[in-house]
Amino acid sequence: MMQFLDSLQDTIVRFRHYSLTNRDWAEESEKEHKQIVDYLKQGNPEAAAIILQKHIKSAKEVLGSVIF
């Protein structure tokens, strides 16, 4: 279990490093976070969910490029 947690922590550190070094991706990610919150504040969870799905897909692709 500890080995798994250490591996997960290493992955998170690499992902954070990448997000800090890839300005374009970081800016887009921040924009998506803001859009999600704005839609939720407006009472539009459907629109927030669409942006969240896009955000998760993008993060998955980025994470895949960092891990492999």
N, C-alpha and C. Protein backbone atom coordinates (compact mmCIF):
# COMPACT_ATOMS: atom_id res chain seq x y z
N MET A 1 0.82 -1.19 0.00
CA MET A 1 0.00 0.00 0.00
C MET A 1 0.87 1.26 0.00
N MET A 2 1.90 1.26 0.82
CA MET A 2 2.78 2.44 0.88
C MET A 2 3.48 2.67 -0.46
N GLN A 3 3.85 1.59 -1.13
CA GLN A 3 4.50 1.73 -2.43
C GLN A 3 3.53 2.38 -3.44
N PHE A 4 2.29 1.96 -3.40
CA PHE A 4 1.28 2.56 -4.28
C PHE A 4 1.12 4.05 -3.98
N LEU A 5 1.02 4.40 -2.70
CA LEU A 5 0.86 5.81 -2.33
C LEU A 5 2.07 6.64 -2.72
N ASP A 6 3.26 6.08 -2.58
CA ASP A 6 4.47 6.78 -3.01
C ASP A 6 4.46 7.01 -4.52
N SER A 7 4.04 6.00 -5.25
CA SER A 7 3.96 6.11 -6.70
C SER A 7 2.94 7.17 -7.11
N LEU A 8 1.81 7.17 -6.44
CA LEU A 8 0.78 8.16 -6.71
C LEU A 8 1.30 9.57 -6.41
N GLN A 9 1.99 9.72 -5.30
CA GLN A 9 2.55 11.03 -4.94
C GLN A 9 3.56 11.49 -5.99
N ASP A 10 4.39 10.58 -6.48
CA ASP A 10 5.36 10.93 -7.53
C ASP A 10 4.65 11.42 -8.78
N THR A 11 3.57 10.76 -9.14
CA THR A 11 2.80 11.15 -10.32
C THR A 11 2.19 12.53 -10.14
N ILE A 12 1.66 12.79 -8.97
CA ILE A 12 1.07 14.10 -8.69
C ILE A 12 2.13 15.19 -8.77
N VAL A 13 3.30 14.93 -8.24
CA VAL A 13 4.38 15.91 -8.29
C VAL A 13 4.76 16.20 -9.74
N ARG A 14 4.89 15.16 -10.56
CA ARG A 14 5.23 15.37 -11.98
C ARG A 14 4.14 16.18 -12.68
N PHE A 15 2.89 15.86 -12.39
CA PHE A 15 1.77 16.56 -13.01
C PHE A 15 1.77 18.03 -12.61
N ARG A 16 1.99 18.30 -11.35
CA ARG A 16 2.05 19.70 -10.90
C ARG A 16 3.21 20.44 -11.56
N HIS A 17 4.36 19.77 -11.65
CA HIS A 17 5.52 20.38 -12.30
C HIS A 17 5.18 20.72 -13.75
N TYR A 18 4.55 19.77 -14.43
CA TYR A 18 4.19 20.01 -15.83
C TYR A 18 3.22 21.18 -15.93
N SER A 19 2.24 21.23 -15.06
CA SER A 19 1.25 22.29 -15.14
C SER A 19 1.88 23.66 -14.89
N LEU A 20 2.95 23.68 -14.12
CA LEU A 20 3.63 24.95 -13.87
C LEU A 20 4.56 25.34 -15.00
N THR A 21 5.06 24.36 -15.74
CA THR A 21 6.00 24.65 -16.82
C THR A 21 5.32 24.81 -18.17
N ASN A 22 4.09 24.36 -18.31
CA ASN A 22 3.36 24.50 -19.56
C ASN A 22 2.34 25.62 -19.39
N ARG A 23 2.74 26.82 -19.70
CA ARG A 23 1.92 28.00 -19.45
C ARG A 23 0.58 27.94 -20.19
N ASP A 24 0.58 27.49 -21.43
CA ASP A 24 -0.66 27.43 -22.20
C ASP A 24 -1.67 26.51 -21.53
N TRP A 25 -1.20 25.33 -21.13
CA TRP A 25 -2.10 24.38 -20.48
C TRP A 25 -2.59 24.92 -19.14
N ALA A 26 -1.69 25.53 -18.39
CA ALA A 26 -2.06 26.08 -17.08
C ALA A 26 -3.11 27.18 -17.23
N GLU A 27 -2.95 28.03 -18.22
CA GLU A 27 -3.92 29.11 -18.45
C GLU A 27 -5.28 28.55 -18.86
N GLU A 28 -5.27 27.55 -19.72
CA GLU A 28 -6.53 26.94 -20.15
C GLU A 28 -7.21 26.24 -18.98
N SER A 29 -6.42 25.58 -18.16
CA SER A 29 -6.97 24.89 -16.99
C SER A 29 -7.60 25.88 -16.03
N GLU A 30 -6.93 26.99 -15.80
CA GLU A 30 -7.47 28.02 -14.91
C GLU A 30 -8.77 28.59 -15.47
N LYS A 31 -8.80 28.81 -16.77
CA LYS A 31 -10.00 29.31 -17.43
C LYS A 31 -11.16 28.33 -17.24
N GLU A 32 -10.88 27.03 -17.41
CA GLU A 32 -11.93 26.02 -17.24
C GLU A 32 -12.44 25.99 -15.80
N HIS A 33 -11.53 26.10 -14.84
CA HIS A 33 -11.95 26.12 -13.43
C HIS A 33 -12.91 27.30 -13.19
N LYS A 34 -12.55 28.46 -13.72
CA LYS A 34 -13.39 29.65 -13.54
C LYS A 34 -14.75 29.45 -14.20
N GLN A 35 -14.75 28.88 -15.40
CA GLN A 35 -16.02 28.65 -16.09
C GLN A 35 -16.92 27.70 -15.29
N ILE A 36 -16.35 26.66 -14.76
CA ILE A 36 -17.12 25.69 -13.97
C ILE A 36 -17.77 26.38 -12.78
N VAL A 37 -16.99 27.15 -12.05
CA VAL A 37 -17.53 27.87 -10.88
C VAL A 37 -18.59 28.87 -11.31
N ASP A 38 -18.34 29.61 -12.37
CA ASP A 38 -19.31 30.61 -12.84
C ASP A 38 -20.64 29.95 -13.22
N TYR A 39 -20.57 28.85 -13.95
CA TYR A 39 -21.81 28.16 -14.33
C TYR A 39 -22.56 27.64 -13.11
N LEU A 40 -21.83 27.13 -12.14
CA LEU A 40 -22.49 26.66 -10.92
C LEU A 40 -23.15 27.80 -10.17
N LYS A 41 -22.46 28.94 -10.09
CA LYS A 41 -23.04 30.12 -9.43
C LYS A 41 -24.30 30.60 -10.15
N GLN A 42 -24.32 30.43 -11.48
CA GLN A 42 -25.47 30.86 -12.28
C GLN A 42 -26.61 29.84 -12.21
N GLY A 43 -26.38 28.73 -11.53
CA GLY A 43 -27.41 27.70 -11.45
C GLY A 43 -27.52 26.87 -12.71
N ASN A 44 -26.40 26.71 -13.42
CA ASN A 44 -26.39 25.96 -14.67
C ASN A 44 -25.43 24.77 -14.55
N PRO A 45 -25.83 23.74 -13.80
CA PRO A 45 -24.93 22.61 -13.60
C PRO A 45 -24.66 21.82 -14.89
N GLU A 46 -25.59 21.87 -15.83
CA GLU A 46 -25.38 21.15 -17.09
C GLU A 46 -24.19 21.73 -17.86
N ALA A 47 -24.13 23.05 -17.94
CA ALA A 47 -23.00 23.70 -18.62
C ALA A 47 -21.70 23.46 -17.85
N ALA A 48 -21.78 23.50 -16.52
CA ALA A 48 -20.59 23.23 -15.71
C ALA A 48 -20.09 21.81 -15.96
N ALA A 49 -21.02 20.87 -16.09
CA ALA A 49 -20.64 19.48 -16.33
C ALA A 49 -19.95 19.31 -17.68
N ILE A 50 -20.40 20.04 -18.68
CA ILE A 50 -19.77 19.97 -20.00
C ILE A 50 -18.33 20.45 -19.93
N ILE A 51 -18.10 21.58 -19.26
CA ILE A 51 -16.75 22.11 -19.12
C ILE A 51 -15.91 21.17 -18.27
N LEU A 52 -16.49 20.61 -17.22
CA LEU A 52 -15.76 19.67 -16.36
C LEU A 52 -15.33 18.44 -17.14
N GLN A 53 -16.19 17.92 -17.99
CA GLN A 53 -15.82 16.76 -18.81
C GLN A 53 -14.66 17.09 -19.73
N LYS A 54 -14.71 18.28 -20.34
CA LYS A 54 -13.61 18.73 -21.21
C LYS A 54 -12.32 18.85 -20.40
N HIS A 55 -12.44 19.40 -19.20
CA HIS A 55 -11.28 19.61 -18.34
C HIS A 55 -10.66 18.27 -17.94
N ILE A 56 -11.49 17.32 -17.56
CA ILE A 56 -10.99 16.00 -17.15
C ILE A 56 -10.32 15.30 -18.33
N LYS A 57 -10.92 15.39 -19.52
CA LYS A 57 -10.32 14.77 -20.70
C LYS A 57 -8.95 15.39 -20.99
N SER A 58 -8.87 16.69 -20.92
CA SER A 58 -7.60 17.38 -21.16
C SER A 58 -6.55 16.98 -20.12
N ALA A 59 -6.96 16.95 -18.86
CA ALA A 59 -6.03 16.59 -17.79
C ALA A 59 -5.55 15.15 -17.96
N LYS A 60 -6.45 14.28 -18.38
CA LYS A 60 -6.08 12.88 -18.61
C LYS A 60 -5.03 12.78 -19.71
N GLU A 61 -5.21 13.53 -20.77
CA GLU A 61 -4.24 13.52 -21.88
C GLU A 61 -2.89 14.07 -21.41
N VAL A 62 -2.92 15.15 -20.67
CA VAL A 62 -1.68 15.74 -20.15
C VAL A 62 -1.01 14.78 -19.19
N LEU A 63 -1.78 14.21 -18.30
CA LEU A 63 -1.23 13.27 -17.34
C LEU A 63 -0.61 12.07 -18.04
N GLY A 64 -1.27 11.59 -19.08
CA GLY A 64 -0.73 10.48 -19.85
C GLY A 64 0.62 10.82 -20.48
N SER A 65 0.77 12.05 -20.94
CA SER A 65 2.04 12.45 -21.55
C SER A 65 3.14 12.62 -20.50
N VAL A 66 2.75 12.93 -19.26
CA VAL A 66 3.73 13.10 -18.20
C VAL A 66 4.19 11.75 -17.67
N ILE A 67 3.25 10.81 -17.56
CA ILE A 67 3.57 9.50 -16.99
C ILE A 67 4.36 8.66 -17.97
N PHE A 68 3.97 8.69 -19.25
CA PHE A 68 4.59 7.78 -20.21
C PHE A 68 5.58 8.46 -21.10
